[in-house]
Amino acid sequence: MWWGRLGVLGRTARVFWKFTFDKPAGTRPAGKIPVDAVTREGLLAAPDRTLWRLGHSTVLMKLRGEFLLTDPVFAKWASPVPFAGPRRFHRTPISIKELPPIKAVVISHDHYDHLDKKAIRKLARKTEWFVAPRGVGEILVGWGVDRAKVRELEWWQETDIDGVRLVSTPTQHFSGRSLWNRDQTLWCSWVILDGAFRIFYGGDSGYFGGFREIGAQYGPFDVTLIENGAYNVGWPRIHMQPEETMLAHRDVRGRWLVPIHNGTFDLAMHGWTEPMERIQALAARDGISVCTPRFGEPVRMNAMATAGCWWRGVDAVSEVAVRRPDAELSGYREV
């Protein structure tokens, strides 16, 4: 109803005001974020069950000799306009042009930090399948993806991609790419089953009881990719604090946690290193296995190991101080 939309508009305006005029120090890095370059040759030579974190929630996985890509965002801005909004902190480890053919692009929901129109249009030429929650597939078709390549799923439905099973599972979030189309498409997490090897990709979610149900039906998981960043105490229904990220990992019965949804865009009011520091402290306290690879660093999912704290030593600076050309993104390429 119209008053509900006005309420959303008011809340959005308040958040925008705080982001623009009341940003605390330390939400963006001042120094250069370390990024490992990824090459097509290196990807093709890598063993199966290797993953590469390319940024935010964009993860490339090699399964059964093919490549699966989650929520591909290669844009410079996570925004409806290509010149404003949350700006990328670091270059991409590999361009879309340099990627080998992609077996499947797997999408969790339609928000700008998870669904990049320009990237989808470029990936359409080299991707065999696009797997998405209900309604998101129609967005892809509208952007030029062949309808025959698109598979849309409701929660708890599954599909098979050449022996890899993908199950759409619930999250507690919302959807919409404007103020006027909220919740018209579905949002989800994904269970990815490569034989007995199990991966959970959490998409975006507040903490809720559905994680236990996913764990009961499909766990234990060898690797979980769960959001740990862009949270706020005022957003408990749509994003998780690091303590809740750890609870979700336990609920789905995960073995190794790879925290995602951090380090690439400034989407909240917390310090940019805070999510990683908090999850490391929780892991040490509770004896949980956590892997925090550099962007582009290959991770053998069959032989997981802890990674270094790459963010330490990259100084943070206030939002006001970075209203200058970003040296890290000079010569930036997103194609």
Protein backbone atom coordinates (compact mmCIF):
# COMPACT_ATOMS: atom_id res chain seq x y z
CA MET A 1 0.00 0.00 0.00
CA TRP A 2 1.05 3.60 -0.56
CA TRP A 3 1.70 4.35 3.13
CA GLY A 4 3.90 1.29 3.37
CA ARG A 5 5.93 2.56 0.44
CA LEU A 6 6.17 5.96 2.08
CA GLY A 7 7.52 4.28 5.21
CA VAL A 8 10.16 2.46 3.15
CA LEU A 9 11.02 5.74 1.40
CA GLY A 10 11.42 7.49 4.76
CA ARG A 11 13.67 4.79 6.18
CA THR A 12 15.73 4.77 3.01
CA ALA A 13 16.10 8.54 3.12
CA ARG A 14 17.35 8.38 6.73
CA VAL A 15 19.90 5.71 5.86
CA PHE A 16 21.04 7.71 2.82
CA TRP A 17 21.46 10.84 4.98
CA LYS A 18 23.63 8.97 7.51
CA PHE A 19 25.71 7.39 4.75
CA THR A 20 26.27 10.76 3.08
CA PHE A 21 26.67 13.15 6.00
CA ASP A 22 27.25 11.14 9.18
CA LYS A 23 29.74 8.44 8.13
CA PRO A 24 32.17 7.42 10.88
CA ALA A 25 35.90 7.09 10.29
CA GLY A 26 37.37 3.83 9.08
CA THR A 27 34.64 2.49 6.83
CA ARG A 28 36.93 2.48 3.77
CA PRO A 29 40.56 1.37 3.35
CA ALA A 30 43.17 4.04 2.67
CA GLY A 31 45.88 1.65 1.53
CA LYS A 32 45.96 -0.84 -1.31
CA ILE A 33 44.09 -4.09 -0.72
CA PRO A 34 46.19 -7.10 -1.74
CA VAL A 35 44.67 -8.91 -4.73
CA ASP A 36 46.11 -12.03 -6.36
CA ALA A 37 45.84 -11.91 -10.15
CA VAL A 38 43.89 -14.84 -11.58
CA THR A 39 44.57 -16.09 -15.12
CA ARG A 40 42.57 -18.29 -17.45
CA GLU A 41 45.51 -20.67 -17.65
CA GLY A 42 45.69 -20.92 -13.88
CA LEU A 43 41.97 -21.63 -13.63
CA LEU A 44 42.08 -24.34 -16.27
CA ALA A 45 45.09 -25.98 -14.60
CA ALA A 46 43.63 -25.86 -11.08
CA PRO A 47 42.29 -29.06 -9.52
CA ASP A 48 38.61 -29.66 -8.98
CA ARG A 49 37.04 -28.31 -5.79
CA THR A 50 39.11 -25.12 -5.83
CA LEU A 51 37.47 -21.77 -5.10
CA TRP A 52 38.53 -18.17 -5.69
CA ARG A 53 36.91 -15.24 -3.92
CA LEU A 54 36.68 -12.48 -6.58
CA GLY A 55 34.97 -9.85 -4.40
CA HIS A 56 32.03 -9.25 -2.04
CA SER A 57 29.83 -12.34 -2.61
CA THR A 58 31.31 -13.24 -6.01
CA VAL A 59 32.95 -16.66 -5.70
CA LEU A 60 34.27 -18.81 -8.54
CA MET A 61 34.30 -22.59 -7.95
CA LYS A 62 35.70 -25.40 -10.05
CA LEU A 63 33.59 -28.55 -9.79
CA ARG A 64 33.80 -31.58 -12.10
CA GLY A 65 36.09 -29.71 -14.46
CA GLU A 66 33.61 -26.85 -14.93
CA PHE A 67 33.21 -23.41 -13.37
CA LEU A 68 30.35 -22.13 -11.24
CA LEU A 69 30.11 -18.42 -10.37
CA THR A 70 28.00 -16.94 -7.56
CA ASP A 71 26.43 -13.46 -7.64
CA PRO A 72 28.83 -11.97 -10.23
CA VAL A 73 29.44 -8.28 -9.54
CA PHE A 74 32.36 -6.81 -11.49
CA ALA A 75 31.10 -3.21 -11.56
CA LYS A 76 32.94 -0.25 -10.10
CA TRP A 77 29.79 0.84 -8.23
CA ALA A 78 27.16 -1.29 -6.43
CA SER A 79 24.50 1.15 -7.50
CA PRO A 80 21.75 1.82 -10.07
CA VAL A 81 23.96 4.54 -11.57
CA PRO A 82 27.55 4.04 -12.82
CA PHE A 83 29.02 7.06 -11.03
CA ALA A 84 27.67 7.13 -7.46
CA GLY A 85 26.87 4.93 -4.49
CA PRO A 86 29.07 2.29 -2.83
CA ARG A 87 32.36 2.20 -4.75
CA ARG A 88 34.56 -0.88 -5.10
CA PHE A 89 37.65 -0.90 -2.86
CA HIS A 90 39.86 -3.10 -5.05
CA ARG A 91 40.39 -4.23 -8.60
CA THR A 92 38.88 -7.52 -9.75
CA PRO A 93 41.31 -10.49 -9.79
CA ILE A 94 40.22 -11.40 -13.32
CA SER A 95 38.04 -9.77 -15.97
CA ILE A 96 34.94 -11.38 -17.45
CA LYS A 97 36.67 -11.44 -20.83
CA GLU A 98 39.55 -13.48 -19.39
CA LEU A 99 37.30 -16.01 -17.63
CA PRO A 100 36.98 -19.45 -19.21
CA PRO A 101 33.51 -20.69 -20.18
CA ILE A 102 31.18 -20.77 -17.17
CA LYS A 103 28.95 -23.79 -16.64
CA ALA A 104 26.51 -21.96 -14.34
CA VAL A 105 25.98 -18.53 -12.83
CA VAL A 106 24.12 -18.90 -9.51
CA ILE A 107 22.23 -15.85 -8.20
CA SER A 108 20.81 -15.36 -4.70
CA HIS A 109 18.70 -12.20 -5.20
CA ASP A 110 18.38 -9.02 -7.22
CA HIS A 111 20.13 -6.34 -5.11
CA TYR A 112 22.81 -4.29 -6.84
CA ASP A 113 25.68 -5.74 -4.80
CA HIS A 114 24.63 -9.23 -5.99
CA LEU A 115 23.23 -8.67 -9.49
CA ASP A 116 25.28 -6.58 -11.94
CA LYS A 117 23.48 -5.87 -15.22
CA LYS A 118 26.62 -5.18 -17.25
CA ALA A 119 28.31 -8.32 -15.94
CA ILE A 120 25.27 -10.47 -16.75
CA ARG A 121 25.17 -9.15 -20.31
CA LYS A 122 28.83 -10.03 -20.80
CA LEU A 123 28.53 -13.40 -19.08
CA ALA A 124 25.52 -14.32 -21.24
CA ARG A 125 27.89 -15.05 -24.11
CA LYS A 126 30.06 -17.52 -22.20
CA THR A 127 27.68 -19.08 -19.65
CA GLU A 128 25.70 -22.27 -20.25
CA TRP A 129 23.16 -21.88 -17.43
CA PHE A 130 21.79 -19.17 -15.16
CA VAL A 131 20.16 -20.48 -11.99
CA ALA A 132 18.13 -18.00 -9.96
CA PRO A 133 15.23 -17.67 -7.54
CA ARG A 134 11.73 -17.08 -8.85
CA GLY A 135 11.35 -13.80 -10.73
CA VAL A 136 15.06 -13.05 -11.04
CA GLY A 137 15.30 -15.14 -14.18
CA GLU A 138 12.86 -12.80 -15.89
CA ILE A 139 15.19 -9.90 -15.10
CA LEU A 140 18.02 -11.79 -16.80
CA VAL A 141 15.89 -12.51 -19.87
CA GLY A 142 15.04 -8.81 -20.04
CA TRP A 143 18.76 -8.06 -20.12
CA GLY A 144 19.34 -10.35 -23.10
CA VAL A 145 20.00 -13.79 -21.59
CA ASP A 146 18.51 -16.57 -23.70
CA ARG A 147 15.40 -17.83 -21.88
CA ALA A 148 16.43 -21.41 -22.65
CA LYS A 149 19.52 -20.90 -20.44
CA VAL A 150 17.56 -19.77 -17.37
CA ARG A 151 16.32 -22.00 -14.56
CA GLU A 152 14.15 -20.37 -11.88
CA LEU A 153 13.55 -22.12 -8.57
CA GLU A 154 11.30 -21.69 -5.55
CA TRP A 155 12.59 -22.53 -2.07
CA TRP A 156 13.38 -26.24 -1.67
CA GLN A 157 13.32 -26.90 -5.39
CA GLU A 158 16.47 -28.30 -6.99
CA THR A 159 18.08 -28.70 -10.38
CA ASP A 160 20.97 -30.74 -11.75
CA ILE A 161 23.79 -29.18 -13.76
CA ASP A 162 25.83 -32.05 -15.24
CA GLY A 163 25.96 -33.95 -11.96
CA VAL A 164 26.15 -30.96 -9.59
CA ARG A 165 22.87 -30.55 -7.66
CA LEU A 166 21.74 -27.04 -6.77
CA VAL A 167 19.00 -26.60 -4.18
CA SER A 168 17.33 -23.23 -3.55
CA THR A 169 16.96 -22.82 0.21
CA PRO A 170 15.36 -20.07 2.33
CA THR A 171 16.90 -16.92 3.75
CA GLN A 172 15.42 -14.06 5.75
CA HIS A 173 15.95 -11.05 3.51
CA PHE A 174 14.08 -9.01 0.86
CA SER A 175 14.37 -8.04 -2.80
CA GLY A 176 13.91 -5.11 -5.14
CA ARG A 177 16.01 -2.86 -7.34
CA SER A 178 13.95 0.28 -6.65
CA LEU A 179 11.59 1.64 -4.03
CA TRP A 180 8.63 0.52 -6.14
CA ASN A 181 9.28 -3.20 -6.76
CA ARG A 182 10.14 -4.46 -3.27
CA ASP A 183 9.71 -8.21 -2.74
CA GLN A 184 8.38 -8.93 -6.22
CA THR A 185 11.13 -11.50 -6.76
CA LEU A 186 12.36 -14.24 -4.44
CA TRP A 187 15.66 -14.37 -2.53
CA CYS A 188 17.45 -17.53 -1.47
CA SER A 189 20.56 -19.34 -0.35
CA TRP A 190 22.00 -22.31 -2.23
CA VAL A 191 23.00 -25.84 -1.35
CA ILE A 192 25.61 -27.08 -3.85
CA LEU A 193 26.16 -30.86 -3.91
CA ASP A 194 29.08 -32.37 -5.82
CA GLY A 195 28.58 -36.03 -5.02
CA ALA A 196 29.27 -36.39 -1.30
CA PHE A 197 30.99 -32.97 -1.16
CA ARG A 198 28.67 -30.28 0.18
CA ILE A 199 28.88 -26.48 -0.08
CA PHE A 200 26.46 -23.95 1.39
CA TYR A 201 26.25 -20.47 -0.16
CA GLY A 202 24.22 -18.27 2.17
CA GLY A 203 23.36 -15.26 0.00
CA ASP A 204 22.06 -12.46 2.27
CA SER A 205 20.08 -13.15 5.42
CA GLY A 206 19.24 -12.16 8.93
CA TYR A 207 19.71 -14.92 11.47
CA PHE A 208 16.67 -17.21 11.58
CA GLY A 209 15.59 -20.78 12.32
CA GLY A 210 15.77 -21.80 8.67
CA PHE A 211 19.50 -22.42 8.98
CA ARG A 212 18.83 -25.34 11.32
CA GLU A 213 16.34 -26.81 8.85
CA ILE A 214 18.86 -26.53 6.01
CA GLY A 215 21.49 -28.23 8.17
CA ALA A 216 19.11 -31.01 9.13
CA GLN A 217 18.15 -31.73 5.52
CA TYR A 218 21.47 -31.24 3.73
CA GLY A 219 24.28 -30.97 6.26
CA PRO A 220 26.95 -31.44 7.29
CA PHE A 221 28.63 -29.08 4.83
CA ASP A 222 32.32 -29.29 4.00
CA VAL A 223 32.45 -25.53 3.26
CA THR A 224 30.06 -22.69 4.04
CA LEU A 225 30.14 -19.29 2.33
CA ILE A 226 28.16 -17.04 4.68
CA GLU A 227 27.76 -13.27 4.87
CA ASN A 228 29.94 -11.48 7.44
CA GLY A 229 29.79 -7.77 6.75
CA ALA A 230 27.49 -4.85 5.86
CA TYR A 231 25.52 -5.35 9.07
CA ASN A 232 23.96 -2.94 11.52
CA VAL A 233 22.17 -3.36 14.85
CA GLY A 234 19.16 -1.70 13.23
CA TRP A 235 18.95 -4.35 10.46
CA PRO A 236 18.64 -7.64 12.40
CA ARG A 237 16.05 -9.15 10.06
CA ILE A 238 18.10 -8.77 6.88
CA HIS A 239 21.78 -9.05 7.87
CA MET A 240 23.76 -10.88 10.54
CA GLN A 241 26.27 -9.73 13.11
CA PRO A 242 29.48 -11.85 13.10
CA GLU A 243 28.24 -13.76 16.16
CA GLU A 244 25.13 -14.72 14.17
CA THR A 245 27.26 -15.67 11.16
CA MET A 246 28.99 -18.17 13.41
CA LEU A 247 25.64 -19.44 14.71
CA ALA A 248 24.38 -19.89 11.14
CA HIS A 249 27.55 -21.84 10.26
CA ARG A 250 26.93 -24.11 13.23
CA ASP A 251 23.23 -24.46 12.46
CA VAL A 252 23.85 -25.71 8.93
CA ARG A 253 26.53 -28.03 10.40
CA GLY A 254 29.46 -26.49 8.57
CA ARG A 255 33.07 -27.62 8.90
CA TRP A 256 34.99 -24.73 7.30
CA LEU A 257 33.61 -21.21 7.13
CA VAL A 258 34.67 -18.78 4.39
CA PRO A 259 33.21 -15.37 5.40
CA ILE A 260 31.98 -13.30 2.45
CA HIS A 261 30.02 -10.05 1.85
CA ASN A 262 32.90 -7.94 3.15
CA GLY A 263 36.02 -6.11 1.98
CA THR A 264 34.76 -4.89 -1.41
CA PHE A 265 32.04 -2.25 -0.88
CA ASP A 266 31.19 0.25 1.87
CA LEU A 267 27.62 -0.79 2.67
CA ALA A 268 27.29 -0.12 6.41
CA MET A 269 28.55 2.07 9.22
CA HIS A 270 31.09 -0.32 10.75
CA GLY A 271 34.83 -0.19 10.17
CA TRP A 272 35.83 -2.06 7.03
CA THR A 273 38.11 -4.46 8.93
CA GLU A 274 35.66 -5.07 11.78
CA PRO A 275 33.81 -8.09 10.30
CA MET A 276 37.04 -10.01 9.70
CA GLU A 277 38.52 -9.16 13.09
CA ARG A 278 35.35 -10.13 14.94
CA ILE A 279 34.96 -13.44 13.10
CA GLN A 280 38.61 -14.30 13.75
CA ALA A 281 38.18 -13.62 17.46
CA LEU A 282 35.04 -15.76 17.59
CA ALA A 283 36.74 -18.58 15.71
CA ALA A 284 39.68 -18.55 18.11
CA ARG A 285 37.36 -18.51 21.13
CA ASP A 286 35.07 -21.30 19.92
CA GLY A 287 37.50 -23.48 17.98
CA ILE A 288 35.77 -22.94 14.61
CA SER A 289 37.73 -23.43 11.38
CA VAL A 290 37.68 -20.19 9.39
CA CYS A 291 39.46 -19.42 6.10
CA THR A 292 39.83 -15.77 5.00
CA PRO A 293 41.68 -15.87 1.66
CA ARG A 294 42.92 -12.83 -0.23
CA PHE A 295 40.84 -11.84 -3.23
CA GLY A 296 41.99 -14.11 -6.04
CA GLU A 297 43.85 -16.55 -3.76
CA PRO A 298 43.06 -20.18 -4.70
CA VAL A 299 41.56 -22.28 -1.91
CA ARG A 300 41.57 -26.08 -2.09
CA MET A 301 38.23 -27.08 -0.62
CA ASN A 302 39.43 -30.69 -0.30
CA ALA A 303 42.35 -29.55 1.85
CA MET A 304 41.17 -26.42 3.66
CA ALA A 305 43.58 -24.41 5.77
CA THR A 306 43.53 -21.10 7.55
CA ALA A 307 44.67 -18.10 5.53
CA GLY A 308 46.51 -14.98 6.60
CA CYS A 309 44.83 -11.84 7.95
CA TRP A 310 45.44 -9.93 4.71
CA TRP A 311 43.54 -6.81 5.87
CA ARG A 312 45.97 -5.99 8.67
CA GLY A 313 48.34 -3.25 7.63
CA VAL A 314 45.88 -1.76 5.15
CA ASP A 315 45.12 1.47 6.95
CA ALA A 316 41.55 2.72 7.17
CA VAL A 317 40.45 6.31 6.70
CA SER A 318 37.24 8.29 7.06
CA GLU A 319 34.77 8.68 4.19
CA VAL A 320 35.55 12.39 3.97
CA ALA A 321 39.23 11.72 3.43
CA VAL A 322 38.65 9.42 0.46
CA ARG A 323 36.71 11.88 -1.66
CA ARG A 324 39.72 11.91 -3.94
CA PRO A 325 40.69 9.74 -6.91
CA ASP A 326 41.20 6.21 -5.65
CA ALA A 327 44.70 5.11 -6.60
CA GLU A 328 43.76 1.44 -6.24
CA LEU A 329 41.11 1.80 -8.95
CA SER A 330 43.11 3.87 -11.40
CA GLY A 331 43.09 2.00 -14.69
CA TYR A 332 40.24 -0.11 -13.32
CA ARG A 333 38.83 -2.72 -15.65
CA GLU A 334 35.52 -4.51 -15.10
CA VAL A 335 35.21 -6.41 -18.37
